[in-house]
C-alpha atoms as a PDB file:
ATOM      1  CA  MET A   1     -13.227  79.635  -0.004  1.00  0.00           C
ATOM      2  CA  GLN A   2      -9.883  80.335   1.696  1.00  0.00           C
ATOM      3  CA  HIS A   3     -11.064  83.860   2.511  1.00  0.00           C
ATOM      4  CA  THR A   4     -14.257  82.447   4.064  1.00  0.00           C
ATOM      5  CA  ILE A   5     -12.311  79.993   6.230  1.00  0.00           C
ATOM      6  CA  GLU A   6      -9.922  82.714   7.403  1.00  0.00           C
ATOM      7  CA  ALA A   7     -12.859  85.014   8.250  1.00  0.00           C
ATOM      8  CA  ALA A   8     -14.478  82.201  10.260  1.00  0.00           C
ATOM      9  CA  ARG A   9     -11.252  81.668  12.189  1.00  0.00           C
ATOM     10  CA  GLN A  10     -10.903  85.361  12.997  1.00  0.00           C
ATOM     11  CA  THR A  11     -14.488  85.680  14.213  1.00  0.00           C
ATOM     12  CA  ARG A  12     -14.456  82.295  15.998  1.00  0.00           C
ATOM     13  CA  LEU A  13     -17.502  81.170  14.041  1.00  0.00           C
ATOM     14  CA  PRO A  14     -18.012  77.528  13.011  1.00  0.00           C
ATOM     15  CA  MET A  15     -16.246  76.559   9.818  1.00  0.00           C
ATOM     16  CA  PRO A  16     -18.418  76.630   6.670  1.00  0.00           C
ATOM     17  CA  GLY A  17     -20.161  73.310   6.186  1.00  0.00           C
ATOM     18  CA  PHE A  18     -19.307  71.996   9.665  1.00  0.00           C
ATOM     19  CA  ARG A  19     -22.911  71.219  10.581  1.00  0.00           C
ATOM     20  CA  HIS A  20     -23.428  69.261   7.378  1.00  0.00           C
ATOM     21  CA  VAL A  21     -20.231  67.257   7.862  1.00  0.00           C
ATOM     22  CA  ARG A  22     -21.057  66.517  11.515  1.00  0.00           C
ATOM     23  CA  ALA A  23     -24.648  65.549  10.645  1.00  0.00           C
ATOM     24  CA  THR A  24     -23.409  63.204   7.930  1.00  0.00           C
ATOM     25  CA  ALA A  25     -20.825  61.679  10.277  1.00  0.00           C
ATOM     26  CA  LEU A  26     -23.467  61.239  12.985  1.00  0.00           C
ATOM     27  CA  ALA A  27     -25.752  59.505  10.495  1.00  0.00           C
ATOM     28  CA  PHE A  28     -23.033  56.966   9.772  1.00  0.00           C
ATOM     29  CA  GLY A  29     -22.116  56.549  13.443  1.00  0.00           C
ATOM     30  CA  LEU A  30     -18.678  58.052  12.987  1.00  0.00           C
ATOM     31  CA  VAL A  31     -18.764  60.748  15.685  1.00  0.00           C
ATOM     32  CA  ALA A  32     -19.052  60.239  19.410  1.00  0.00           C
ATOM     33  CA  THR A  33     -21.990  62.070  20.943  1.00  0.00           C
ATOM     34  CA  GLY A  34     -21.132  61.735  24.655  1.00  0.00           C
ATOM     35  CA  THR A  35     -19.077  64.028  26.837  1.00  0.00           C
ATOM     36  CA  GLY A  36     -15.435  63.623  27.753  1.00  0.00           C
ATOM     37  CA  PRO A  37     -12.863  62.118  25.366  1.00  0.00           C
ATOM     38  CA  ALA A  38     -14.288  61.230  21.953  1.00  0.00           C
ATOM     39  CA  LEU A  39     -15.443  57.641  21.874  1.00  0.00           C
ATOM     40  CA  ALA A  40     -14.301  57.386  18.254  1.00  0.00           C
ATOM     41  CA  ASP A  41     -10.672  57.822  19.310  1.00  0.00           C
ATOM     42  CA  ALA A  42      -8.648  54.628  18.964  1.00  0.00           C
ATOM     43  CA  ALA A  43     -10.435  52.105  21.153  1.00  0.00           C
ATOM     44  CA  LYS A  44      -8.259  49.070  21.836  1.00  0.00           C
ATOM     45  CA  THR A  45      -9.466  45.761  20.432  1.00  0.00           C
ATOM     46  CA  ALA A  46      -8.951  42.275  21.816  1.00  0.00           C
ATOM     47  CA  THR A  47      -6.285  41.654  19.157  1.00  0.00           C
ATOM     48  CA  GLY A  48      -4.121  44.574  20.261  1.00  0.00           C
ATOM     49  CA  GLY A  49      -5.112  46.827  17.376  1.00  0.00           C
ATOM     50  CA  ALA A  50      -7.183  49.975  17.313  1.00  0.00           C
ATOM     51  CA  VAL A  51     -10.674  50.807  16.087  1.00  0.00           C
ATOM     52  CA  GLY A  52     -11.672  54.264  14.931  1.00  0.00           C
ATOM     53  CA  VAL A  53     -12.391  56.519  11.988  1.00  0.00           C
ATOM     54  CA  ALA A  54     -10.254  56.632   8.852  1.00  0.00           C
ATOM     55  CA  SER A  55     -10.157  59.331   6.219  1.00  0.00           C
ATOM     56  CA  PHE A  56      -8.137  59.657   3.031  1.00  0.00           C
ATOM     57  CA  TYR A  57      -6.125  62.294   1.259  1.00  0.00           C
ATOM     58  CA  GLY A  58      -5.318  62.526  -2.419  1.00  0.00           C
ATOM     59  CA  ARG A  59      -5.008  65.118  -5.171  1.00  0.00           C
ATOM     60  CA  GLU A  60      -4.431  68.158  -2.963  1.00  0.00           C
ATOM     61  CA  HIS A  61      -1.298  66.533  -1.478  1.00  0.00           C
ATOM     62  CA  HIS A  62      -0.154  64.481  -4.508  1.00  0.00           C
ATOM     63  CA  GLY A  63       3.549  65.064  -5.159  1.00  0.00           C
ATOM     64  CA  GLY A  64       4.064  66.970  -1.914  1.00  0.00           C
ATOM     65  CA  PRO A  65       6.529  65.985   0.809  1.00  0.00           C
ATOM     66  CA  THR A  66       5.714  63.471   3.545  1.00  0.00           C
ATOM     67  CA  ALA A  67       7.204  63.129   7.018  1.00  0.00           C
ATOM     68  CA  SER A  68       9.441  60.343   5.712  1.00  0.00           C
ATOM     69  CA  GLY A  69      10.942  62.686   3.106  1.00  0.00           C
ATOM     70  CA  GLU A  70       9.449  60.927   0.093  1.00  0.00           C
ATOM     71  CA  ARG A  71       6.922  62.444  -2.287  1.00  0.00           C
ATOM     72  CA  PHE A  72       3.292  61.586  -1.596  1.00  0.00           C
ATOM     73  CA  ASP A  73       1.762  59.319  -4.260  1.00  0.00           C
ATOM     74  CA  MET A  74      -2.022  59.234  -3.947  1.00  0.00           C
ATOM     75  CA  ARG A  75      -2.135  55.916  -5.846  1.00  0.00           C
ATOM     76  CA  ALA A  76       0.300  54.115  -3.515  1.00  0.00           C
ATOM     77  CA  MET A  77      -0.776  52.000  -0.534  1.00  0.00           C
ATOM     78  CA  THR A  78       0.459  54.396   2.137  1.00  0.00           C
ATOM     79  CA  ALA A  79      -0.910  56.088   5.240  1.00  0.00           C
ATOM     80  CA  ALA A  80      -0.387  58.799   7.815  1.00  0.00           C
ATOM     81  CA  HIS A  81      -0.445  57.741  11.462  1.00  0.00           C
ATOM     82  CA  ARG A  82       0.370  59.772  14.569  1.00  0.00           C
ATOM     83  CA  THR A  83       2.643  57.291  16.353  1.00  0.00           C
ATOM     84  CA  ALA A  84       3.396  54.220  14.212  1.00  0.00           C
ATOM     85  CA  PRO A  85       7.052  54.154  13.133  1.00  0.00           C
ATOM     86  CA  LEU A  86       7.663  55.526   9.649  1.00  0.00           C
ATOM     87  CA  GLY A  87       8.142  52.598   7.290  1.00  0.00           C
ATOM     88  CA  SER A  88       6.041  50.213   9.363  1.00  0.00           C
ATOM     89  CA  LYS A  89       3.203  48.296   7.745  1.00  0.00           C
ATOM     90  CA  LEU A  90      -0.347  48.297   9.079  1.00  0.00           C
ATOM     91  CA  LYS A  91      -3.285  46.100   8.153  1.00  0.00           C
ATOM     92  CA  VAL A  92      -6.368  48.295   7.824  1.00  0.00           C
ATOM     93  CA  THR A  93      -9.827  46.702   7.683  1.00  0.00           C
ATOM     94  CA  ASN A  94     -12.950  48.612   6.704  1.00  0.00           C
ATOM     95  CA  LEU A  95     -15.479  47.438   9.307  1.00  0.00           C
ATOM     96  CA  ARG A  96     -18.407  48.492   7.092  1.00  0.00           C
ATOM     97  CA  ASN A  97     -17.592  46.099   4.226  1.00  0.00           C
ATOM     98  CA  GLY A  98     -14.800  43.784   5.444  1.00  0.00           C
ATOM     99  CA  ARG A  99     -12.205  44.885   2.864  1.00  0.00           C
ATOM    100  CA  THR A 100      -8.587  44.840   4.060  1.00  0.00           C
ATOM    101  CA  VAL A 101      -5.363  46.414   2.781  1.00  0.00           C
ATOM    102  CA  VAL A 102      -1.798  46.630   4.037  1.00  0.00           C
ATOM    103  CA  VAL A 103      -0.378  50.162   4.000  1.00  0.00           C
ATOM    104  CA  ARG A 104       3.093  51.524   4.703  1.00  0.00           C
ATOM    105  CA  VAL A 105       3.276  54.458   7.119  1.00  0.00           C
ATOM    106  CA  ASN A 106       5.138  57.317   5.432  1.00  0.00           C
ATOM    107  CA  ASP A 107       3.538  60.388   6.989  1.00  0.00           C
ATOM    108  CA  ARG A 108       2.216  61.845  10.247  1.00  0.00           C
ATOM    109  CA  GLY A 109      -1.436  62.574  10.970  1.00  0.00           C
ATOM    110  CA  PRO A 110      -4.355  62.680  10.960  1.00  0.00           C
ATOM    111  CA  PHE A 111      -4.656  65.948  12.808  1.00  0.00           C
ATOM    112  CA  VAL A 112      -8.439  65.908  12.978  1.00  0.00           C
ATOM    113  CA  ARG A 113      -9.967  64.935  16.316  1.00  0.00           C
ATOM    114  CA  GLY A 114     -11.591  61.515  16.322  1.00  0.00           C
ATOM    115  CA  ARG A 115      -9.637  60.062  13.387  1.00  0.00           C
ATOM    116  CA  ILE A 116      -6.967  57.420  13.833  1.00  0.00           C
ATOM    117  CA  ILE A 117      -5.482  57.099  10.323  1.00  0.00           C
ATOM    118  CA  ASP A 118      -5.356  58.890   6.968  1.00  0.00           C
ATOM    119  CA  VAL A 119      -4.851  56.539   4.045  1.00  0.00           C
ATOM    120  CA  SER A 120      -3.895  57.401   0.478  1.00  0.00           C
ATOM    121  CA  ARG A 121      -6.616  57.593  -2.161  1.00  0.00           C
ATOM    122  CA  GLY A 122      -5.371  54.288  -3.606  1.00  0.00           C
ATOM    123  CA  ALA A 123      -5.872  52.567  -0.247  1.00  0.00           C
ATOM    124  CA  ALA A 124      -9.269  54.258   0.203  1.00  0.00           C
ATOM    125  CA  GLU A 125     -10.370  52.943  -3.198  1.00  0.00           C
ATOM    126  CA  ALA A 126      -9.270  49.429  -2.245  1.00  0.00           C
ATOM    127  CA  LEU A 127     -11.099  49.772   1.086  1.00  0.00           C
ATOM    128  CA  GLY A 128     -14.197  51.066  -0.708  1.00  0.00           C
ATOM    129  CA  PHE A 129     -14.850  54.377   1.025  1.00  0.00           C
ATOM    130  CA  VAL A 130     -13.834  57.099  -1.429  1.00  0.00           C
ATOM    131  CA  GLY A 131     -17.469  58.109  -1.930  1.00  0.00           C
ATOM    132  CA  ALA A 132     -18.184  58.315   1.802  1.00  0.00           C
ATOM    133  CA  GLY A 133     -14.929  60.082   2.701  1.00  0.00           C
ATOM    134  CA  LEU A 134     -14.800  58.473   6.163  1.00  0.00           C
ATOM    135  CA  THR A 135     -15.250  54.949   7.450  1.00  0.00           C
ATOM    136  CA  LYS A 136     -14.846  52.925  10.626  1.00  0.00           C
ATOM    137  CA  VAL A 137     -11.716  50.762  10.538  1.00  0.00           C
ATOM    138  CA  SER A 138      -9.626  48.456  12.630  1.00  0.00           C
ATOM    139  CA  ILE A 139      -5.852  48.740  12.463  1.00  0.00           C
ATOM    140  CA  GLN A 140      -3.293  46.067  13.319  1.00  0.00           C
ATOM    141  CA  VAL A 141       0.433  45.779  12.794  1.00  0.00           C
ATOM    142  CA  ALA A 142       0.881  43.695   9.655  1.00  0.00           C
ATOM    143  CA  SER A 143       2.788  40.442   9.900  1.00  0.00           C
ATOM    144  CA  ARG A 144       6.082  40.207   8.030  1.00  0.00           C
ATOM    145  CA  ASP A 145       4.584  38.112   5.219  1.00  0.00           C
ATOM    146  CA  GLU A 146       1.652  40.468   4.515  1.00  0.00           C
END
């Protein structure tokens, strides 16, 4: 698989499986179809939070380093966010089913266009989207007592 991905990069061909992933994301309304900046990128909500697409990461990164210097634990309630301060807590709500979790930011990312947060597998399980891989979420800074 790695050889196939490298060959695609060298020949500037689409990545293997891209059409399937995009078609699946379109079916769930997770990818913007207009021109200009992606509509799925962090749209501000009335409450001061952000709405966009979340993904999760797990086994392939389990035990590896995070931007905060700690080891990644796929079962912990943690997340990667591009700009939130490391150590801050965010309330993430799955807009497809209403489930909410509070995660601690311990890493940077996601580095995939159109996504606003990567949560750990443990948080994804609690949010109920491990099977789907992606979901639409809202993110807010968690209050001190959450």
